[in-house]
Amino acid sequence: MPPAMQDLGLVTCSTDALRKLLRAVYKREVDCPLTIAALAGMGLQDHAERLLGHLRGLPSDAVHAVLVAALAERTATDEQKLKRLM
């Protein structure tokens, strides 16, 4: 992945992928620190490089916190966009 892409954080990962991973971490269906094999086992192999670029080596509580923050930011941004349209 080019260095400029890493600066985008988790923006390039779909909301569905982030939710799927958050659900699995919350339910303890995936072990942390995350691995490529674990993500592939969940069907997230297409997102593994981007996810691990930011979540590699983190314990489950930290992964949970990052995913909640990323999803909350997206929700807030979506709500702001809707308000501008009204």
PDB file of N, CA and C in Angstrom:
ATOM      1  N   MET A   1       0.850  -1.175   0.000  1.00  0.00           N
ATOM      2  CA  MET A   1       0.000   0.000   0.000  1.00  0.00           C
ATOM      3  C   MET A   1       0.895   1.237   0.000  1.00  0.00           C
ATOM      4  N   PRO A   2       0.608   2.194  -0.875  1.00  0.00           N
ATOM      5  CA  PRO A   2       1.420   3.410  -0.907  1.00  0.00           C
ATOM      6  C   PRO A   2       1.312   4.171   0.418  1.00  0.00           C
ATOM      7  N   PRO A   3       2.384   4.879   0.821  1.00  0.00           N
ATOM      8  CA  PRO A   3       2.371   5.599   2.093  1.00  0.00           C
ATOM      9  C   PRO A   3       1.203   6.572   2.218  1.00  0.00           C
ATOM     10  N   ALA A   4       0.810   7.212   1.133  1.00  0.00           N
ATOM     11  CA  ALA A   4      -0.293   8.172   1.196  1.00  0.00           C
ATOM     12  C   ALA A   4      -1.597   7.493   1.604  1.00  0.00           C
ATOM     13  N   MET A   5      -1.789   6.230   1.222  1.00  0.00           N
ATOM     14  CA  MET A   5      -3.009   5.513   1.570  1.00  0.00           C
ATOM     15  C   MET A   5      -3.068   5.216   3.066  1.00  0.00           C
ATOM     16  N   GLN A   6      -1.941   4.979   3.705  1.00  0.00           N
ATOM     17  CA  GLN A   6      -1.931   4.688   5.130  1.00  0.00           C
ATOM     18  C   GLN A   6      -2.394   5.886   5.939  1.00  0.00           C
ATOM     19  N   ASP A   7      -2.200   7.083   5.416  1.00  0.00           N
ATOM     20  CA  ASP A   7      -2.613   8.298   6.114  1.00  0.00           C
ATOM     21  C   ASP A   7      -4.134   8.428   6.188  1.00  0.00           C
ATOM     22  N   LEU A   8      -4.855   7.643   5.424  1.00  0.00           N
ATOM     23  CA  LEU A   8      -6.310   7.717   5.425  1.00  0.00           C
ATOM     24  C   LEU A   8      -6.933   6.972   6.597  1.00  0.00           C
ATOM     25  N   GLY A   9      -6.134   6.340   7.416  1.00  0.00           N
ATOM     26  CA  GLY A   9      -6.669   5.604   8.555  1.00  0.00           C
ATOM     27  C   GLY A   9      -7.574   4.479   8.101  1.00  0.00           C
ATOM     28  N   LEU A  10      -8.722   4.369   8.723  1.00  0.00           N
ATOM     29  CA  LEU A  10      -9.662   3.295   8.391  1.00  0.00           C
ATOM     30  C   LEU A  10     -10.729   3.761   7.401  1.00  0.00           C
ATOM     31  N   VAL A  11     -10.545   4.940   6.826  1.00  0.00           N
ATOM     32  CA  VAL A  11     -11.518   5.501   5.887  1.00  0.00           C
ATOM     33  C   VAL A  11     -11.767   4.573   4.709  1.00  0.00           C
ATOM     34  N   THR A  12     -10.749   3.879   4.266  1.00  0.00           N
ATOM     35  CA  THR A  12     -10.897   3.030   3.086  1.00  0.00           C
ATOM     36  C   THR A  12     -11.524   1.673   3.390  1.00  0.00           C
ATOM     37  N   CYS A  13     -11.789   1.388   4.639  1.00  0.00           N
ATOM     38  CA  CYS A  13     -12.501   0.156   5.018  1.00  0.00           C
ATOM     39  C   CYS A  13     -13.991   0.454   5.068  1.00  0.00           C
ATOM     40  N   SER A  14     -14.778  -0.453   4.567  1.00  0.00           N
ATOM     41  CA  SER A  14     -16.224  -0.226   4.557  1.00  0.00           C
ATOM     42  C   SER A  14     -16.779  -0.226   5.983  1.00  0.00           C
ATOM     43  N   THR A  15     -17.872   0.474   6.137  1.00  0.00           N
ATOM     44  CA  THR A  15     -18.559   0.507   7.426  1.00  0.00           C
ATOM     45  C   THR A  15     -19.002  -0.898   7.820  1.00  0.00           C
ATOM     46  N   ASP A  16     -19.470  -1.656   6.841  1.00  0.00           N
ATOM     47  CA  ASP A  16     -19.895  -3.034   7.126  1.00  0.00           C
ATOM     48  C   ASP A  16     -18.738  -3.876   7.654  1.00  0.00           C
ATOM     49  N   ALA A  17     -17.547  -3.704   7.073  1.00  0.00           N
ATOM     50  CA  ALA A  17     -16.379  -4.461   7.528  1.00  0.00           C
ATOM     51  C   ALA A  17     -16.013  -4.078   8.960  1.00  0.00           C
ATOM     52  N   LEU A  18     -16.051  -2.790   9.260  1.00  0.00           N
ATOM     53  CA  LEU A  18     -15.730  -2.339  10.617  1.00  0.00           C
ATOM     54  C   LEU A  18     -16.750  -2.861  11.615  1.00  0.00           C
ATOM     55  N   ARG A  19     -18.018  -2.827  11.245  1.00  0.00           N
ATOM     56  CA  ARG A  19     -19.065  -3.346  12.138  1.00  0.00           C
ATOM     57  C   ARG A  19     -18.899  -4.851  12.366  1.00  0.00           C
ATOM     58  N   LYS A  20     -18.584  -5.562  11.302  1.00  0.00           N
ATOM     59  CA  LYS A  20     -18.404  -7.014  11.410  1.00  0.00           C
ATOM     60  C   LYS A  20     -17.257  -7.336  12.366  1.00  0.00           C
ATOM     61  N   LEU A  21     -16.155  -6.613  12.235  1.00  0.00           N
ATOM     62  CA  LEU A  21     -15.013  -6.844  13.114  1.00  0.00           C
ATOM     63  C   LEU A  21     -15.346  -6.437  14.544  1.00  0.00           C
ATOM     64  N   LEU A  22     -16.009  -5.312  14.725  1.00  0.00           N
ATOM     65  CA  LEU A  22     -16.389  -4.873  16.066  1.00  0.00           C
ATOM     66  C   LEU A  22     -17.271  -5.913  16.746  1.00  0.00           C
ATOM     67  N   ARG A  23     -18.236  -6.431  16.012  1.00  0.00           N
ATOM     68  CA  ARG A  23     -19.134  -7.456  16.563  1.00  0.00           C
ATOM     69  C   ARG A  23     -18.339  -8.683  17.012  1.00  0.00           C
ATOM     70  N   ALA A  24     -17.390  -9.111  16.173  1.00  0.00           N
ATOM     71  CA  ALA A  24     -16.584 -10.294  16.491  1.00  0.00           C
ATOM     72  C   ALA A  24     -15.678 -10.054  17.691  1.00  0.00           C
ATOM     73  N   VAL A  25     -15.106  -8.857  17.795  1.00  0.00           N
ATOM     74  CA  VAL A  25     -14.253  -8.536  18.940  1.00  0.00           C
ATOM     75  C   VAL A  25     -15.100  -8.497  20.207  1.00  0.00           C
ATOM     76  N   TYR A  26     -16.267  -7.851  20.124  1.00  0.00           N
ATOM     77  CA  TYR A  26     -17.158  -7.748  21.284  1.00  0.00           C
ATOM     78  C   TYR A  26     -17.601  -9.122  21.779  1.00  0.00           C
ATOM     79  N   LYS A  27     -17.930 -10.004  20.841  1.00  0.00           N
ATOM     80  CA  LYS A  27     -18.402 -11.348  21.203  1.00  0.00           C
ATOM     81  C   LYS A  27     -17.253 -12.323  21.458  1.00  0.00           C
ATOM     82  N   ARG A  28     -16.028 -11.821  21.348  1.00  0.00           N
ATOM     83  CA  ARG A  28     -14.818 -12.629  21.536  1.00  0.00           C
ATOM     84  C   ARG A  28     -14.748 -13.804  20.565  1.00  0.00           C
ATOM     85  N   GLU A  29     -15.216 -13.543  19.339  1.00  0.00           N
ATOM     86  CA  GLU A  29     -15.157 -14.554  18.286  1.00  0.00           C
ATOM     87  C   GLU A  29     -13.849 -14.483  17.512  1.00  0.00           C
ATOM     88  N   VAL A  30     -13.058 -13.463  17.782  1.00  0.00           N
ATOM     89  CA  VAL A  30     -11.752 -13.309  17.150  1.00  0.00           C
ATOM     90  C   VAL A  30     -10.759 -12.922  18.246  1.00  0.00           C
ATOM     91  N   ASP A  31      -9.570 -13.496  18.165  1.00  0.00           N
ATOM     92  CA  ASP A  31      -8.531 -13.198  19.153  1.00  0.00           C
ATOM     93  C   ASP A  31      -7.744 -11.961  18.751  1.00  0.00           C
ATOM     94  N   CYS A  32      -7.349 -11.209  19.743  1.00  0.00           N
ATOM     95  CA  CYS A  32      -6.466 -10.064  19.541  1.00  0.00           C
ATOM     96  C   CYS A  32      -5.176 -10.350  20.275  1.00  0.00           C
ATOM     97  N   PRO A  33      -4.051  -9.911  19.752  1.00  0.00           N
ATOM     98  CA  PRO A  33      -3.879  -9.105  18.560  1.00  0.00           C
ATOM     99  C   PRO A  33      -4.365  -9.840  17.308  1.00  0.00           C
ATOM    100  N   LEU A  34      -4.899  -9.031  16.373  1.00  0.00           N
ATOM    101  CA  LEU A  34      -5.433  -9.567  15.129  1.00  0.00           C
ATOM    102  C   LEU A  34      -4.335 -10.122  14.235  1.00  0.00           C
ATOM    103  N   THR A  35      -4.712 -11.084  13.416  1.00  0.00           N
ATOM    104  CA  THR A  35      -3.800 -11.649  12.424  1.00  0.00           C
ATOM    105  C   THR A  35      -4.498 -11.682  11.072  1.00  0.00           C
ATOM    106  N   ILE A  36      -3.708 -11.835  10.038  1.00  0.00           N
ATOM    107  CA  ILE A  36      -4.273 -11.962   8.688  1.00  0.00           C
ATOM    108  C   ILE A  36      -5.170 -13.183   8.627  1.00  0.00           C
ATOM    109  N   ALA A  37      -4.736 -14.280   9.226  1.00  0.00           N
ATOM    110  CA  ALA A  37      -5.521 -15.515   9.203  1.00  0.00           C
ATOM    111  C   ALA A  37      -6.872 -15.327   9.890  1.00  0.00           C
ATOM    112  N   ALA A  38      -6.889 -14.633  11.019  1.00  0.00           N
ATOM    113  CA  ALA A  38      -8.144 -14.404  11.739  1.00  0.00           C
ATOM    114  C   ALA A  38      -9.096 -13.550  10.911  1.00  0.00           C
ATOM    115  N   LEU A  39      -8.563 -12.507  10.290  1.00  0.00           N
ATOM    116  CA  LEU A  39      -9.400 -11.640   9.457  1.00  0.00           C
ATOM    117  C   LEU A  39      -9.916 -12.383   8.233  1.00  0.00           C
ATOM    118  N   ALA A  40      -9.060 -13.206   7.634  1.00  0.00           N
ATOM    119  CA  ALA A  40      -9.478 -13.999   6.474  1.00  0.00           C
ATOM    120  C   ALA A  40     -10.560 -14.994   6.874  1.00  0.00           C
ATOM    121  N   GLY A  41     -10.441 -15.569   8.048  1.00  0.00           N
ATOM    122  CA  GLY A  41     -11.435 -16.504   8.540  1.00  0.00           C
ATOM    123  C   GLY A  41     -12.798 -15.871   8.732  1.00  0.00           C
ATOM    124  N   MET A  42     -12.818 -14.553   8.879  1.00  0.00           N
ATOM    125  CA  MET A  42     -14.070 -13.808   9.030  1.00  0.00           C
ATOM    126  C   MET A  42     -14.565 -13.267   7.697  1.00  0.00           C
ATOM    127  N   GLY A  43     -13.811 -13.515   6.633  1.00  0.00           N
ATOM    128  CA  GLY A  43     -14.180 -12.973   5.330  1.00  0.00           C
ATOM    129  C   GLY A  43     -13.712 -11.545   5.121  1.00  0.00           C
ATOM    130  N   LEU A  44     -12.775 -11.091   5.936  1.00  0.00           N
ATOM    131  CA  LEU A  44     -12.275  -9.713   5.834  1.00  0.00           C
ATOM    132  C   LEU A  44     -10.885  -9.642   5.207  1.00  0.00           C
ATOM    133  N   GLN A  45     -10.539 -10.662   4.431  1.00  0.00           N
ATOM    134  CA  GLN A  45      -9.201 -10.690   3.830  1.00  0.00           C
ATOM    135  C   GLN A  45      -8.926  -9.488   2.929  1.00  0.00           C
ATOM    136  N   ASP A  46      -9.953  -8.948   2.284  1.00  0.00           N
ATOM    137  CA  ASP A  46      -9.756  -7.784   1.411  1.00  0.00           C
ATOM    138  C   ASP A  46      -9.431  -6.524   2.201  1.00  0.00           C
ATOM    139  N   HIS A  47      -9.733  -6.525   3.480  1.00  0.00           N
ATOM    140  CA  HIS A  47      -9.479  -5.364   4.339  1.00  0.00           C
ATOM    141  C   HIS A  47      -8.307  -5.588   5.283  1.00  0.00           C
ATOM    142  N   ALA A  48      -7.734  -6.771   5.262  1.00  0.00           N
ATOM    143  CA  ALA A  48      -6.718  -7.153   6.258  1.00  0.00           C
ATOM    144  C   ALA A  48      -5.536  -6.190   6.309  1.00  0.00           C
ATOM    145  N   GLU A  49      -5.003  -5.821   5.163  1.00  0.00           N
ATOM    146  CA  GLU A  49      -3.818  -4.954   5.147  1.00  0.00           C
ATOM    147  C   GLU A  49      -4.119  -3.603   5.789  1.00  0.00           C
ATOM    148  N   ARG A  50      -5.263  -3.022   5.446  1.00  0.00           N
ATOM    149  CA  ARG A  50      -5.628  -1.714   6.013  1.00  0.00           C
ATOM    150  C   ARG A  50      -5.939  -1.824   7.498  1.00  0.00           C
ATOM    151  N   LEU A  51      -6.677  -2.862   7.884  1.00  0.00           N
ATOM    152  CA  LEU A  51      -7.007  -3.035   9.295  1.00  0.00           C
ATOM    153  C   LEU A  51      -5.759  -3.270  10.136  1.00  0.00           C
ATOM    154  N   LEU A  52      -4.907  -4.164   9.673  1.00  0.00           N
ATOM    155  CA  LEU A  52      -3.699  -4.467  10.440  1.00  0.00           C
ATOM    156  C   LEU A  52      -2.725  -3.295  10.455  1.00  0.00           C
ATOM    157  N   GLY A  53      -2.792  -2.450   9.445  1.00  0.00           N
ATOM    158  CA  GLY A  53      -1.945  -1.260   9.421  1.00  0.00           C
ATOM    159  C   GLY A  53      -2.202  -0.346  10.612  1.00  0.00           C
ATOM    160  N   HIS A  54      -3.394  -0.447  11.189  1.00  0.00           N
ATOM    161  CA  HIS A  54      -3.758   0.419  12.307  1.00  0.00           C
ATOM    162  C   HIS A  54      -4.080  -0.336  13.592  1.00  0.00           C
ATOM    163  N   LEU A  55      -4.384  -1.631  13.471  1.00  0.00           N
ATOM    164  CA  LEU A  55      -4.813  -2.392  14.646  1.00  0.00           C
ATOM    165  C   LEU A  55      -3.846  -3.499  15.054  1.00  0.00           C
ATOM    166  N   ARG A  56      -2.799  -3.709  14.265  1.00  0.00           N
ATOM    167  CA  ARG A  56      -1.830  -4.779  14.556  1.00  0.00           C
ATOM    168  C   ARG A  56      -1.215  -4.582  15.933  1.00  0.00           C
ATOM    169  N   GLY A  57      -1.186  -5.663  16.698  1.00  0.00           N
ATOM    170  CA  GLY A  57      -0.528  -5.646  18.003  1.00  0.00           C
ATOM    171  C   GLY A  57      -1.372  -5.117  19.147  1.00  0.00           C
ATOM    172  N   LEU A  58      -2.559  -4.607  18.844  1.00  0.00           N
ATOM    173  CA  LEU A  58      -3.392  -4.034  19.906  1.00  0.00           C
ATOM    174  C   LEU A  58      -4.191  -5.117  20.627  1.00  0.00           C
ATOM    175  N   PRO A  59      -4.381  -4.952  21.932  1.00  0.00           N
ATOM    176  CA  PRO A  59      -5.246  -5.884  22.675  1.00  0.00           C
ATOM    177  C   PRO A  59      -6.707  -5.617  22.308  1.00  0.00           C
ATOM    178  N   SER A  60      -7.577  -6.524  22.676  1.00  0.00           N
ATOM    179  CA  SER A  60      -8.979  -6.433  22.261  1.00  0.00           C
ATOM    180  C   SER A  60      -9.668  -5.154  22.732  1.00  0.00           C
ATOM    181  N   ASP A  61      -9.369  -4.679  23.933  1.00  0.00           N
ATOM    182  CA  ASP A  61     -10.034  -3.453  24.388  1.00  0.00           C
ATOM    183  C   ASP A  61      -9.632  -2.245  23.553  1.00  0.00           C
ATOM    184  N   ALA A  62      -8.400  -2.204  23.096  1.00  0.00           N
ATOM    185  CA  ALA A  62      -7.939  -1.108  22.238  1.00  0.00           C
ATOM    186  C   ALA A  62      -8.548  -1.219  20.841  1.00  0.00           C
ATOM    187  N   VAL A  63      -8.610  -2.431  20.284  1.00  0.00           N
ATOM    188  CA  VAL A  63      -9.248  -2.633  18.981  1.00  0.00           C
ATOM    189  C   VAL A  63     -10.705  -2.198  19.063  1.00  0.00           C
ATOM    190  N   HIS A  64     -11.376  -2.605  20.122  1.00  0.00           N
ATOM    191  CA  HIS A  64     -12.770  -2.228  20.340  1.00  0.00           C
ATOM    192  C   HIS A  64     -12.913  -0.707  20.358  1.00  0.00           C
ATOM    193  N   ALA A  65     -12.063  -0.027  21.110  1.00  0.00           N
ATOM    194  CA  ALA A  65     -12.132   1.431  21.235  1.00  0.00           C
ATOM    195  C   ALA A  65     -11.907   2.122  19.889  1.00  0.00           C
ATOM    196  N   VAL A  66     -10.925   1.668  19.128  1.00  0.00           N
ATOM    197  CA  VAL A  66     -10.637   2.271  17.824  1.00  0.00           C
ATOM    198  C   VAL A  66     -11.823   2.089  16.875  1.00  0.00           C
ATOM    199  N   LEU A  67     -12.387   0.881  16.844  1.00  0.00           N
ATOM    200  CA  LEU A  67     -13.511   0.621  15.950  1.00  0.00           C
ATOM    201  C   LEU A  67     -14.747   1.433  16.347  1.00  0.00           C
ATOM    202  N   VAL A  68     -15.028   1.526  17.633  1.00  0.00           N
ATOM    203  CA  VAL A  68     -16.164   2.332  18.098  1.00  0.00           C
ATOM    204  C   VAL A  68     -15.964   3.790  17.700  1.00  0.00           C
ATOM    205  N   ALA A  69     -14.755   4.309  17.881  1.00  0.00           N
ATOM    206  CA  ALA A  69     -14.474   5.706  17.530  1.00  0.00           C
ATOM    207  C   ALA A  69     -14.624   5.938  16.024  1.00  0.00           C
ATOM    208  N   ALA A  70     -14.101   5.022  15.219  1.00  0.00           N
ATOM    209  CA  ALA A  70     -14.194   5.171  13.762  1.00  0.00           C
ATOM    210  C   ALA A  70     -15.650   5.144  13.303  1.00  0.00           C
ATOM    211  N   LEU A  71     -16.433   4.226  13.858  1.00  0.00           N
ATOM    212  CA  LEU A  71     -17.841   4.129  13.473  1.00  0.00           C
ATOM    213  C   LEU A  71     -18.639   5.334  13.985  1.00  0.00           C
ATOM    214  N   ALA A  72     -18.330   5.823  15.174  1.00  0.00           N
ATOM    215  CA  ALA A  72     -19.012   7.004  15.708  1.00  0.00           C
ATOM    216  C   ALA A  72     -18.718   8.232  14.846  1.00  0.00           C
ATOM    217  N   GLU A  73     -17.485   8.349  14.413  1.00  0.00           N
ATOM    218  CA  GLU A  73     -17.106   9.475  13.555  1.00  0.00           C
ATOM    219  C   GLU A  73     -17.865   9.417  12.231  1.00  0.00           C
ATOM    220  N   ARG A  74     -18.005   8.236  11.680  1.00  0.00           N
ATOM    221  CA  ARG A  74     -18.759   8.086  10.430  1.00  0.00           C
ATOM    222  C   ARG A  74     -20.219   8.447  10.622  1.00  0.00           C
ATOM    223  N   THR A  75     -20.792   8.025  11.726  1.00  0.00           N
ATOM    224  CA  THR A  75     -22.192   8.335  12.012  1.00  0.00           C
ATOM    225  C   THR A  75     -22.383   9.841  12.138  1.00  0.00           C
ATOM    226  N   ALA A  76     -21.494  10.498  12.854  1.00  0.00           N
ATOM    227  CA  ALA A  76     -21.583  11.946  13.030  1.00  0.00           C
ATOM    228  C   ALA A  76     -21.441  12.660  11.688  1.00  0.00           C
ATOM    229  N   THR A  77     -20.520  12.202  10.871  1.00  0.00           N
ATOM    230  CA  THR A  77     -20.311  12.806   9.557  1.00  0.00           C
ATOM    231  C   THR A  77     -21.540  12.616   8.676  1.00  0.00           C
ATOM    232  N   ASP A  78     -22.111  11.428   8.704  1.00  0.00           N
ATOM    233  CA  ASP A  78     -23.317  11.159   7.927  1.00  0.00           C
ATOM    234  C   ASP A  78     -24.470  12.048   8.379  1.00  0.00           C
ATOM    235  N   GLU A  79     -24.615  12.243   9.678  1.00  0.00           N
ATOM    236  CA  GLU A  79     -25.679  13.093  10.214  1.00  0.00           C
ATOM    237  C   GLU A  79     -25.475  14.545   9.803  1.00  0.00           C
ATOM    238  N   GLN A  80     -24.238  15.004   9.789  1.00  0.00           N
ATOM    239  CA  GLN A  80     -23.942  16.380   9.358  1.00  0.00           C
ATOM    240  C   GLN A  80     -24.286  16.564   7.885  1.00  0.00           C
ATOM    241  N   LYS A  81     -23.968  15.564   7.077  1.00  0.00           N
ATOM    242  CA  LYS A  81     -24.297  15.637   5.650  1.00  0.00           C
ATOM    243  C   LYS A  81     -25.806  15.717   5.448  1.00  0.00           C
ATOM    244  N   LEU A  82     -26.563  14.943   6.207  1.00  0.00           N
ATOM    245  CA  LEU A  82     -28.026  14.967   6.107  1.00  0.00           C
ATOM    246  C   LEU A  82     -28.588  16.324   6.510  1.00  0.00           C
ATOM    247  N   LYS A  83     -28.043  16.926   7.551  1.00  0.00           N
ATOM    248  CA  LYS A  83     -28.526  18.230   8.004  1.00  0.00           C
ATOM    249  C   LYS A  83     -28.281  19.283   6.927  1.00  0.00           C
ATOM    250  N   ARG A  84     -27.165  19.209   6.215  1.00  0.00           N
ATOM    251  CA  ARG A  84     -26.868  20.174   5.159  1.00  0.00           C
ATOM    252  C   ARG A  84     -27.837  20.033   4.000  1.00  0.00           C
ATOM    253  N   LEU A  85     -28.327  18.833   3.778  1.00  0.00           N
ATOM    254  CA  LEU A  85     -29.258  18.608   2.674  1.00  0.00           C
ATOM    255  C   LEU A  85     -30.663  19.107   2.978  1.00  0.00           C
ATOM    256  N   MET A  86     -30.974  19.254   4.253  1.00  0.00           N
ATOM    257  CA  MET A  86     -32.340  19.668   4.637  1.00  0.00           C
ATOM    258  C   MET A  86     -32.516  21.161   4.561  1.00  0.00           C
TER     259      MET A  86
END
